Amino acid sequence: MLYLLFMGLGFFQQESFIFFPEILPQEHQFRFGQEFEEVYLPAKDGTQLHGLLFKADKPKGLVFYLHGNAGSVDSWGYIAPTYTRLGYDIFILDYRGYGKSGGQISNEKQFYEDVQAAYNHLKARYAESAIVVAGYSIGSAAAAMLAANNSPRLLLLQAPYYSLPDLVHSLYPFVPAFILKYRFETYRFVDLTMAPIVLFHGDRDEIIYHGSSEKLKTHLKPTDKVIILKGQPHNGMNENPDYQRELARVLATIN
């Protein structure tokens, strides 16, 4: 009975097990040591979404960044110098219910539609040929979805999962896959992506096992890459000097 109760809670309260938003008041003042712009945009249903656009000097393009499942742009904004130092503006979106974004996440389709709405807003300001779509952790599938359904210059995935059922099975093998409303099938979108793809994963990732990227490798094009970072756990990849060096090499090849 306890098992059935747990499964019932897992089915009806999945959002509370997957998403851990930091909610910010609309009057919150961001404090970063570089130029940025607050961006508000409407979702398909009219819900207001919010993100931050950090500016580089003489930008070569835009990194459209989908962050992990916890926090908000108030904490994720500190990754911006990793990208602006390389000459790229970076837009970081707060998902529905995160930061200053309104509403609450209620299903996978809505999640994807919100991300696409934000991408549409930004590609009106940047040529798609100059946009790098990046997704970290929970943002992996949505980033891959954008790359599959649009025409960015590059897809960059950090600590990606093969699919949410595959990840849940690795963490909680007693949880049956059929109760998951959210599938987040990164592999399916990777299959459909025409743009170059680069995966980064730490070999010490304690949340999303790095074999996830090895499984995704079977869906990549011959010219795509998987880069394993030695000693890298799940968090802090953007601050890793090895990641920063490899990132600089990758971005140099697309300019």
C-alpha atoms as a PDB file:
ATOM      1  CA  MET A   1       0.000   0.000   0.000  1.00  0.00           C
ATOM      2  CA  LEU A   2       2.848   2.364   0.798  1.00  0.00           C
ATOM      3  CA  TYR A   3       4.413   1.588  -2.577  1.00  0.00           C
ATOM      4  CA  LEU A   4       1.126   2.317  -4.366  1.00  0.00           C
ATOM      5  CA  LEU A   5       0.727   5.538  -2.403  1.00  0.00           C
ATOM      6  CA  PHE A   6       4.232   6.610  -3.378  1.00  0.00           C
ATOM      7  CA  MET A   7       3.549   5.793  -7.032  1.00  0.00           C
ATOM      8  CA  GLY A   8       0.307   7.782  -6.890  1.00  0.00           C
ATOM      9  CA  LEU A   9       2.093  10.806  -5.473  1.00  0.00           C
ATOM     10  CA  GLY A  10       4.792  10.388  -8.105  1.00  0.00           C
ATOM     11  CA  PHE A  11       2.202  10.458 -10.887  1.00  0.00           C
ATOM     12  CA  PHE A  12       0.068  13.373  -9.704  1.00  0.00           C
ATOM     13  CA  GLN A  13       2.864  15.494  -8.206  1.00  0.00           C
ATOM     14  CA  GLN A  14       5.588  14.925 -10.791  1.00  0.00           C
ATOM     15  CA  GLU A  15       6.368  18.610 -11.181  1.00  0.00           C
ATOM     16  CA  SER A  16       7.431  18.836  -7.527  1.00  0.00           C
ATOM     17  CA  PHE A  17       9.900  15.957  -8.078  1.00  0.00           C
ATOM     18  CA  ILE A  18      11.362  17.367 -11.309  1.00  0.00           C
ATOM     19  CA  PHE A  19      11.350  21.161 -11.020  1.00  0.00           C
ATOM     20  CA  PHE A  20      12.786  23.210  -8.157  1.00  0.00           C
ATOM     21  CA  PRO A  21      12.186  26.859  -9.068  1.00  0.00           C
ATOM     22  CA  GLU A  22      13.411  29.910  -7.233  1.00  0.00           C
ATOM     23  CA  ILE A  23      10.589  32.468  -7.411  1.00  0.00           C
ATOM     24  CA  LEU A  24      11.564  36.138  -7.560  1.00  0.00           C
ATOM     25  CA  PRO A  25       9.358  39.204  -6.937  1.00  0.00           C
ATOM     26  CA  GLN A  26       8.854  41.410  -9.990  1.00  0.00           C
ATOM     27  CA  GLU A  27      10.658  44.236  -8.234  1.00  0.00           C
ATOM     28  CA  HIS A  28      13.780  42.108  -7.695  1.00  0.00           C
ATOM     29  CA  GLN A  29      16.952  43.908  -8.752  1.00  0.00           C
ATOM     30  CA  PHE A  30      19.654  41.795 -10.417  1.00  0.00           C
ATOM     31  CA  ARG A  31      23.271  42.620  -9.658  1.00  0.00           C
ATOM     32  CA  PHE A  32      25.798  41.375 -12.169  1.00  0.00           C
ATOM     33  CA  GLY A  33      29.162  42.824 -13.051  1.00  0.00           C
ATOM     34  CA  GLN A  34      28.398  43.191 -16.762  1.00  0.00           C
ATOM     35  CA  GLU A  35      25.832  44.650 -19.100  1.00  0.00           C
ATOM     36  CA  PHE A  36      22.509  42.828 -19.317  1.00  0.00           C
ATOM     37  CA  GLU A  37      18.912  43.390 -20.380  1.00  0.00           C
ATOM     38  CA  GLU A  38      15.750  42.020 -18.816  1.00  0.00           C
ATOM     39  CA  VAL A  39      13.583  40.430 -21.512  1.00  0.00           C
ATOM     40  CA  TYR A  40       9.848  39.803 -21.119  1.00  0.00           C
ATOM     41  CA  LEU A  41       7.949  37.823 -23.753  1.00  0.00           C
ATOM     42  CA  PRO A  42       4.547  36.168 -24.050  1.00  0.00           C
ATOM     43  CA  ALA A  43       4.054  32.399 -24.042  1.00  0.00           C
ATOM     44  CA  LYS A  44       1.525  30.855 -26.422  1.00  0.00           C
ATOM     45  CA  ASP A  45      -1.233  31.168 -23.803  1.00  0.00           C
ATOM     46  CA  GLY A  46      -0.266  34.752 -22.923  1.00  0.00           C
ATOM     47  CA  THR A  47       1.684  33.920 -19.760  1.00  0.00           C
ATOM     48  CA  GLN A  48       4.605  36.300 -19.346  1.00  0.00           C
ATOM     49  CA  LEU A  49       8.030  34.681 -19.495  1.00  0.00           C
ATOM     50  CA  HIS A  50      11.236  36.361 -18.391  1.00  0.00           C
ATOM     51  CA  GLY A  51      14.924  35.993 -19.060  1.00  0.00           C
ATOM     52  CA  LEU A  52      18.190  37.907 -19.033  1.00  0.00           C
ATOM     53  CA  LEU A  53      20.240  38.843 -22.091  1.00  0.00           C
ATOM     54  CA  PHE A  54      23.927  39.441 -21.316  1.00  0.00           C
ATOM     55  CA  LYS A  55      25.921  41.466 -23.833  1.00  0.00           C
ATOM     56  CA  ALA A  56      29.378  40.873 -25.260  1.00  0.00           C
ATOM     57  CA  ASP A  57      31.501  43.532 -26.950  1.00  0.00           C
ATOM     58  CA  LYS A  58      31.078  43.165 -30.722  1.00  0.00           C
ATOM     59  CA  PRO A  59      29.083  39.896 -30.441  1.00  0.00           C
ATOM     60  CA  LYS A  60      29.615  37.114 -32.964  1.00  0.00           C
ATOM     61  CA  GLY A  61      26.216  35.642 -32.159  1.00  0.00           C
ATOM     62  CA  LEU A  62      23.944  34.446 -29.372  1.00  0.00           C
ATOM     63  CA  VAL A  63      23.983  31.519 -26.977  1.00  0.00           C
ATOM     64  CA  PHE A  64      20.351  30.643 -26.206  1.00  0.00           C
ATOM     65  CA  TYR A  65      20.729  28.897 -22.844  1.00  0.00           C
ATOM     66  CA  LEU A  66      18.275  26.564 -21.098  1.00  0.00           C
ATOM     67  CA  HIS A  67      19.368  26.065 -17.503  1.00  0.00           C
ATOM     68  CA  GLY A  68      18.962  23.204 -15.029  1.00  0.00           C
ATOM     69  CA  ASN A  69      15.970  22.318 -12.897  1.00  0.00           C
ATOM     70  CA  ALA A  70      16.811  24.438  -9.833  1.00  0.00           C
ATOM     71  CA  GLY A  71      17.303  28.133  -9.168  1.00  0.00           C
ATOM     72  CA  SER A  72      16.538  31.067 -11.455  1.00  0.00           C
ATOM     73  CA  VAL A  73      18.407  33.530 -13.638  1.00  0.00           C
ATOM     74  CA  ASP A  74      19.478  35.238 -10.421  1.00  0.00           C
ATOM     75  CA  SER A  75      21.839  32.319  -9.761  1.00  0.00           C
ATOM     76  CA  TRP A  76      22.376  31.130 -13.333  1.00  0.00           C
ATOM     77  CA  GLY A  77      23.321  34.597 -14.560  1.00  0.00           C
ATOM     78  CA  TYR A  78      26.795  34.186 -13.108  1.00  0.00           C
ATOM     79  CA  ILE A  79      27.706  31.782 -15.920  1.00  0.00           C
ATOM     80  CA  ALA A  80      27.408  34.598 -18.473  1.00  0.00           C
ATOM     81  CA  PRO A  81      31.116  35.642 -18.499  1.00  0.00           C
ATOM     82  CA  THR A  82      32.095  32.146 -19.695  1.00  0.00           C
ATOM     83  CA  TYR A  83      30.303  32.964 -22.960  1.00  0.00           C
ATOM     84  CA  THR A  84      30.598  36.749 -23.273  1.00  0.00           C
ATOM     85  CA  ARG A  85      34.389  36.504 -22.913  1.00  0.00           C
ATOM     86  CA  LEU A  86      34.315  34.371 -26.063  1.00  0.00           C
ATOM     87  CA  GLY A  87      32.393  37.058 -27.932  1.00  0.00           C
ATOM     88  CA  TYR A  88      28.834  35.753 -27.601  1.00  0.00           C
ATOM     89  CA  ASP A  89      25.755  37.355 -26.138  1.00  0.00           C
ATOM     90  CA  ILE A  90      23.915  34.877 -23.920  1.00  0.00           C
ATOM     91  CA  PHE A  91      20.185  34.745 -23.211  1.00  0.00           C
ATOM     92  CA  ILE A  92      19.144  32.693 -20.174  1.00  0.00           C
ATOM     93  CA  LEU A  93      15.448  31.850 -19.969  1.00  0.00           C
ATOM     94  CA  ASP A  94      13.581  31.256 -16.745  1.00  0.00           C
ATOM     95  CA  TYR A  95      10.997  28.540 -17.270  1.00  0.00           C
ATOM     96  CA  ARG A  96       7.364  29.078 -16.342  1.00  0.00           C
ATOM     97  CA  GLY A  97       7.153  29.538 -12.553  1.00  0.00           C
ATOM     98  CA  TYR A  98      10.883  30.272 -12.219  1.00  0.00           C
ATOM     99  CA  GLY A  99      12.256  33.696 -11.312  1.00  0.00           C
ATOM    100  CA  LYS A 100       9.976  36.411 -12.692  1.00  0.00           C
ATOM    101  CA  SER A 101       8.266  34.108 -15.218  1.00  0.00           C
ATOM    102  CA  GLY A 102       4.570  33.654 -14.537  1.00  0.00           C
ATOM    103  CA  GLY A 103       2.441  30.520 -14.360  1.00  0.00           C
ATOM    104  CA  GLN A 104       3.404  26.974 -13.474  1.00  0.00           C
ATOM    105  CA  ILE A 105       4.721  24.075 -15.534  1.00  0.00           C
ATOM    106  CA  SER A 106       1.930  21.542 -16.036  1.00  0.00           C
ATOM    107  CA  ASN A 107       2.986  19.316 -18.949  1.00  0.00           C
ATOM    108  CA  GLU A 108       5.785  18.588 -21.413  1.00  0.00           C
ATOM    109  CA  LYS A 109       4.034  20.126 -24.430  1.00  0.00           C
ATOM    110  CA  GLN A 110       3.619  23.412 -22.582  1.00  0.00           C
ATOM    111  CA  PHE A 111       7.288  23.334 -21.546  1.00  0.00           C
ATOM    112  CA  TYR A 112       8.385  22.956 -25.174  1.00  0.00           C
ATOM    113  CA  GLU A 113       5.956  25.626 -26.401  1.00  0.00           C
ATOM    114  CA  ASP A 114       7.320  28.138 -23.886  1.00  0.00           C
ATOM    115  CA  VAL A 115      10.894  27.451 -24.979  1.00  0.00           C
ATOM    116  CA  GLN A 116       9.923  27.792 -28.645  1.00  0.00           C
ATOM    117  CA  ALA A 117       8.135  31.094 -27.936  1.00  0.00           C
ATOM    118  CA  ALA A 118      11.290  32.449 -26.300  1.00  0.00           C
ATOM    119  CA  TYR A 119      13.430  31.217 -29.186  1.00  0.00           C
ATOM    120  CA  ASN A 120      11.098  32.899 -31.704  1.00  0.00           C
ATOM    121  CA  HIS A 121      11.453  36.157 -29.775  1.00  0.00           C
ATOM    122  CA  LEU A 122      15.257  36.018 -29.822  1.00  0.00           C
ATOM    123  CA  LYS A 123      15.634  34.882 -33.420  1.00  0.00           C
ATOM    124  CA  ALA A 124      13.855  38.082 -34.430  1.00  0.00           C
ATOM    125  CA  ARG A 125      16.962  39.856 -33.071  1.00  0.00           C
ATOM    126  CA  TYR A 126      19.681  37.409 -34.151  1.00  0.00           C
ATOM    127  CA  ALA A 127      20.169  35.458 -37.368  1.00  0.00           C
ATOM    128  CA  GLU A 128      19.664  31.745 -36.709  1.00  0.00           C
ATOM    129  CA  SER A 129      22.975  31.083 -38.415  1.00  0.00           C
ATOM    130  CA  ALA A 130      24.585  32.894 -35.455  1.00  0.00           C
ATOM    131  CA  ILE A 131      22.603  31.174 -32.658  1.00  0.00           C
ATOM    132  CA  VAL A 132      24.049  28.422 -30.487  1.00  0.00           C
ATOM    133  CA  VAL A 133      21.355  26.517 -28.589  1.00  0.00           C
ATOM    134  CA  ALA A 134      22.649  25.212 -25.264  1.00  0.00           C
ATOM    135  CA  GLY A 135      20.890  23.035 -22.700  1.00  0.00           C
ATOM    136  CA  TYR A 136      22.113  21.952 -19.292  1.00  0.00           C
ATOM    137  CA  SER A 137      20.682  18.928 -17.465  1.00  0.00           C
ATOM    138  CA  ILE A 138      16.858  19.265 -17.482  1.00  0.00           C
ATOM    139  CA  GLY A 139      17.235  21.728 -20.374  1.00  0.00           C
ATOM    140  CA  SER A 140      18.792  19.038 -22.601  1.00  0.00           C
ATOM    141  CA  ALA A 141      15.637  17.727 -24.238  1.00  0.00           C
ATOM    142  CA  ALA A 142      14.144  21.180 -24.815  1.00  0.00           C
ATOM    143  CA  ALA A 143      17.415  22.419 -26.342  1.00  0.00           C
ATOM    144  CA  ALA A 144      17.527  19.371 -28.613  1.00  0.00           C
ATOM    145  CA  MET A 145      13.870  19.973 -29.519  1.00  0.00           C
ATOM    146  CA  LEU A 146      14.725  23.514 -30.618  1.00  0.00           C
ATOM    147  CA  ALA A 147      17.653  22.299 -32.708  1.00  0.00           C
ATOM    148  CA  ALA A 148      15.489  19.625 -34.338  1.00  0.00           C
ATOM    149  CA  ASN A 149      12.660  22.020 -35.214  1.00  0.00           C
ATOM    150  CA  ASN A 150      14.667  25.126 -36.101  1.00  0.00           C
ATOM    151  CA  SER A 151      17.972  25.956 -37.809  1.00  0.00           C
ATOM    152  CA  PRO A 152      20.551  27.097 -35.235  1.00  0.00           C
ATOM    153  CA  ARG A 153      24.284  27.082 -35.951  1.00  0.00           C
ATOM    154  CA  LEU A 154      25.130  24.586 -33.200  1.00  0.00           C
ATOM    155  CA  LEU A 155      23.532  22.450 -30.481  1.00  0.00           C
ATOM    156  CA  LEU A 156      25.519  22.296 -27.248  1.00  0.00           C
ATOM    157  CA  LEU A 157      24.359  19.915 -24.480  1.00  0.00           C
ATOM    158  CA  GLN A 158      25.842  19.857 -20.987  1.00  0.00           C
ATOM    159  CA  ALA A 159      25.261  16.782 -18.796  1.00  0.00           C
ATOM    160  CA  PRO A 160      22.411  15.592 -21.030  1.00  0.00           C
ATOM    161  CA  TYR A 161      20.173  12.631 -20.253  1.00  0.00           C
ATOM    162  CA  TYR A 162      19.138  10.057 -22.870  1.00  0.00           C
ATOM    163  CA  SER A 163      15.521  10.388 -21.773  1.00  0.00           C
ATOM    164  CA  LEU A 164      13.787  11.062 -18.475  1.00  0.00           C
ATOM    165  CA  PRO A 165      12.619   7.425 -18.084  1.00  0.00           C
ATOM    166  CA  ASP A 166      16.210   6.275 -18.639  1.00  0.00           C
ATOM    167  CA  LEU A 167      17.484   8.746 -16.033  1.00  0.00           C
ATOM    168  CA  VAL A 168      14.813   7.840 -13.485  1.00  0.00           C
ATOM    169  CA  HIS A 169      15.585   4.144 -13.974  1.00  0.00           C
ATOM    170  CA  SER A 170      19.264   4.802 -13.240  1.00  0.00           C
ATOM    171  CA  LEU A 171      18.432   6.699 -10.044  1.00  0.00           C
ATOM    172  CA  TYR A 172      15.297   4.890  -8.849  1.00  0.00           C
ATOM    173  CA  PRO A 173      15.042   1.484 -10.554  1.00  0.00           C
ATOM    174  CA  PHE A 174      11.916   0.642  -8.535  1.00  0.00           C
ATOM    175  CA  VAL A 175       9.918   3.415 -10.276  1.00  0.00           C
ATOM    176  CA  PRO A 176       8.038   2.077 -13.343  1.00  0.00           C
ATOM    177  CA  ALA A 177       8.532   4.169 -16.472  1.00  0.00           C
ATOM    178  CA  PHE A 178       4.828   4.173 -17.358  1.00  0.00           C
ATOM    179  CA  ILE A 179       3.951   6.578 -14.524  1.00  0.00           C
ATOM    180  CA  LEU A 180       6.112   9.342 -16.010  1.00  0.00           C
ATOM    181  CA  LYS A 181       4.098  12.079 -17.707  1.00  0.00           C
ATOM    182  CA  TYR A 182       7.319  13.770 -18.739  1.00  0.00           C
ATOM    183  CA  ARG A 183       9.372  11.762 -21.239  1.00  0.00           C
ATOM    184  CA  PHE A 184      11.964  14.358 -22.302  1.00  0.00           C
ATOM    185  CA  GLU A 185      13.364  12.098 -25.018  1.00  0.00           C
ATOM    186  CA  THR A 186      16.594  13.872 -25.874  1.00  0.00           C
ATOM    187  CA  TYR A 187      17.679  11.035 -28.172  1.00  0.00           C
ATOM    188  CA  ARG A 188      14.604  11.452 -30.379  1.00  0.00           C
ATOM    189  CA  PHE A 189      15.358  15.119 -31.059  1.00  0.00           C
ATOM    190  CA  VAL A 190      19.074  14.489 -31.520  1.00  0.00           C
ATOM    191  CA  ASP A 191      18.135  12.037 -34.273  1.00  0.00           C
ATOM    192  CA  LEU A 192      16.356  14.859 -36.116  1.00  0.00           C
ATOM    193  CA  THR A 193      18.946  17.612 -35.653  1.00  0.00           C
ATOM    194  CA  MET A 194      20.789  18.753 -38.750  1.00  0.00           C
ATOM    195  CA  ALA A 195      23.052  21.257 -36.964  1.00  0.00           C
ATOM    196  CA  PRO A 196      26.401  20.157 -35.506  1.00  0.00           C
ATOM    197  CA  ILE A 197      26.084  18.730 -31.980  1.00  0.00           C
ATOM    198  CA  VAL A 198      28.597  18.728 -29.133  1.00  0.00           C
ATOM    199  CA  LEU A 199      27.923  16.938 -25.831  1.00  0.00           C
ATOM    200  CA  PHE A 200      29.838  17.670 -22.629  1.00  0.00           C
ATOM    201  CA  HIS A 201      29.612  15.358 -19.633  1.00  0.00           C
ATOM    202  CA  GLY A 202      31.582  14.931 -16.414  1.00  0.00           C
ATOM    203  CA  ASP A 203      32.874  11.462 -15.579  1.00  0.00           C
ATOM    204  CA  ARG A 204      32.019  12.127 -11.907  1.00  0.00           C
ATOM    205  CA  ASP A 205      28.425  13.188 -12.555  1.00  0.00           C
ATOM    206  CA  GLU A 206      26.482  11.847  -9.590  1.00  0.00           C
ATOM    207  CA  ILE A 207      23.017  12.722 -10.936  1.00  0.00           C
ATOM    208  CA  ILE A 208      22.993  12.099 -14.701  1.00  0.00           C
ATOM    209  CA  TYR A 209      25.379   9.210 -15.300  1.00  0.00           C
ATOM    210  CA  HIS A 210      27.885  10.033 -18.026  1.00  0.00           C
ATOM    211  CA  GLY A 211      26.888   6.869 -19.875  1.00  0.00           C
ATOM    212  CA  SER A 212      23.832   8.901 -20.934  1.00  0.00           C
ATOM    213  CA  SER A 213      26.051  10.812 -23.342  1.00  0.00           C
ATOM    214  CA  GLU A 214      27.602   7.567 -24.543  1.00  0.00           C
ATOM    215  CA  LYS A 215      24.097   6.282 -25.305  1.00  0.00           C
ATOM    216  CA  LEU A 216      23.281   9.511 -27.120  1.00  0.00           C
ATOM    217  CA  LYS A 217      26.455   9.058 -29.172  1.00  0.00           C
ATOM    218  CA  THR A 218      24.749   6.288 -31.132  1.00  0.00           C
ATOM    219  CA  HIS A 219      22.261   8.902 -32.392  1.00  0.00           C
ATOM    220  CA  LEU A 220      24.869  11.478 -33.425  1.00  0.00           C
ATOM    221  CA  LYS A 221      26.182  12.266 -36.868  1.00  0.00           C
ATOM    222  CA  PRO A 222      29.775  11.161 -37.617  1.00  0.00           C
ATOM    223  CA  THR A 223      31.010  14.752 -37.296  1.00  0.00           C
ATOM    224  CA  ASP A 224      29.353  15.368 -33.904  1.00  0.00           C
ATOM    225  CA  LYS A 225      31.353  15.122 -30.676  1.00  0.00           C
ATOM    226  CA  VAL A 226      31.133  13.798 -27.119  1.00  0.00           C
ATOM    227  CA  ILE A 227      33.626  15.391 -24.729  1.00  0.00           C
ATOM    228  CA  ILE A 228      34.055  13.764 -21.306  1.00  0.00           C
ATOM    229  CA  LEU A 229      35.465  16.052 -18.621  1.00  0.00           C
ATOM    230  CA  LYS A 230      37.648  14.269 -16.090  1.00  0.00           C
ATOM    231  CA  GLY A 231      36.727  14.808 -12.455  1.00  0.00           C
ATOM    232  CA  GLN A 232      33.678  16.927 -13.297  1.00  0.00           C
ATOM    233  CA  PRO A 233      30.570  16.348 -11.120  1.00  0.00           C
ATOM    234  CA  HIS A 234      27.061  17.372 -12.150  1.00  0.00           C
ATOM    235  CA  ASN A 235      27.268  21.004 -11.024  1.00  0.00           C
ATOM    236  CA  GLY A 236      29.764  23.711 -11.886  1.00  0.00           C
ATOM    237  CA  MET A 237      30.619  22.739 -15.457  1.00  0.00           C
ATOM    238  CA  ASN A 238      30.589  26.313 -16.754  1.00  0.00           C
ATOM    239  CA  GLU A 239      33.316  27.238 -14.280  1.00  0.00           C
ATOM    240  CA  ASN A 240      35.530  24.257 -15.193  1.00  0.00           C
ATOM    241  CA  PRO A 241      38.722  25.477 -16.999  1.00  0.00           C
ATOM    242  CA  ASP A 242      38.795  22.306 -19.119  1.00  0.00           C
ATOM    243  CA  TYR A 243      35.222  22.974 -20.246  1.00  0.00           C
ATOM    244  CA  GLN A 244      36.060  26.592 -21.013  1.00  0.00           C
ATOM    245  CA  ARG A 245      39.067  25.590 -23.136  1.00  0.00           C
ATOM    246  CA  GLU A 246      37.059  22.990 -25.079  1.00  0.00           C
ATOM    247  CA  LEU A 247      34.178  25.430 -25.495  1.00  0.00           C
ATOM    248  CA  ALA A 248      36.531  28.026 -26.981  1.00  0.00           C
ATOM    249  CA  ARG A 249      37.795  25.441 -29.482  1.00  0.00           C
ATOM    250  CA  VAL A 250      34.267  24.403 -30.441  1.00  0.00           C
ATOM    251  CA  LEU A 251      33.057  27.970 -30.960  1.00  0.00           C
ATOM    252  CA  ALA A 252      36.181  28.856 -32.945  1.00  0.00           C
ATOM    253  CA  THR A 253      35.302  26.142 -35.472  1.00  0.00           C
ATOM    254  CA  ILE A 254      31.898  27.666 -36.256  1.00  0.00           C
ATOM    255  CA  ASN A 255      33.024  31.272 -36.793  1.00  0.00           C
END
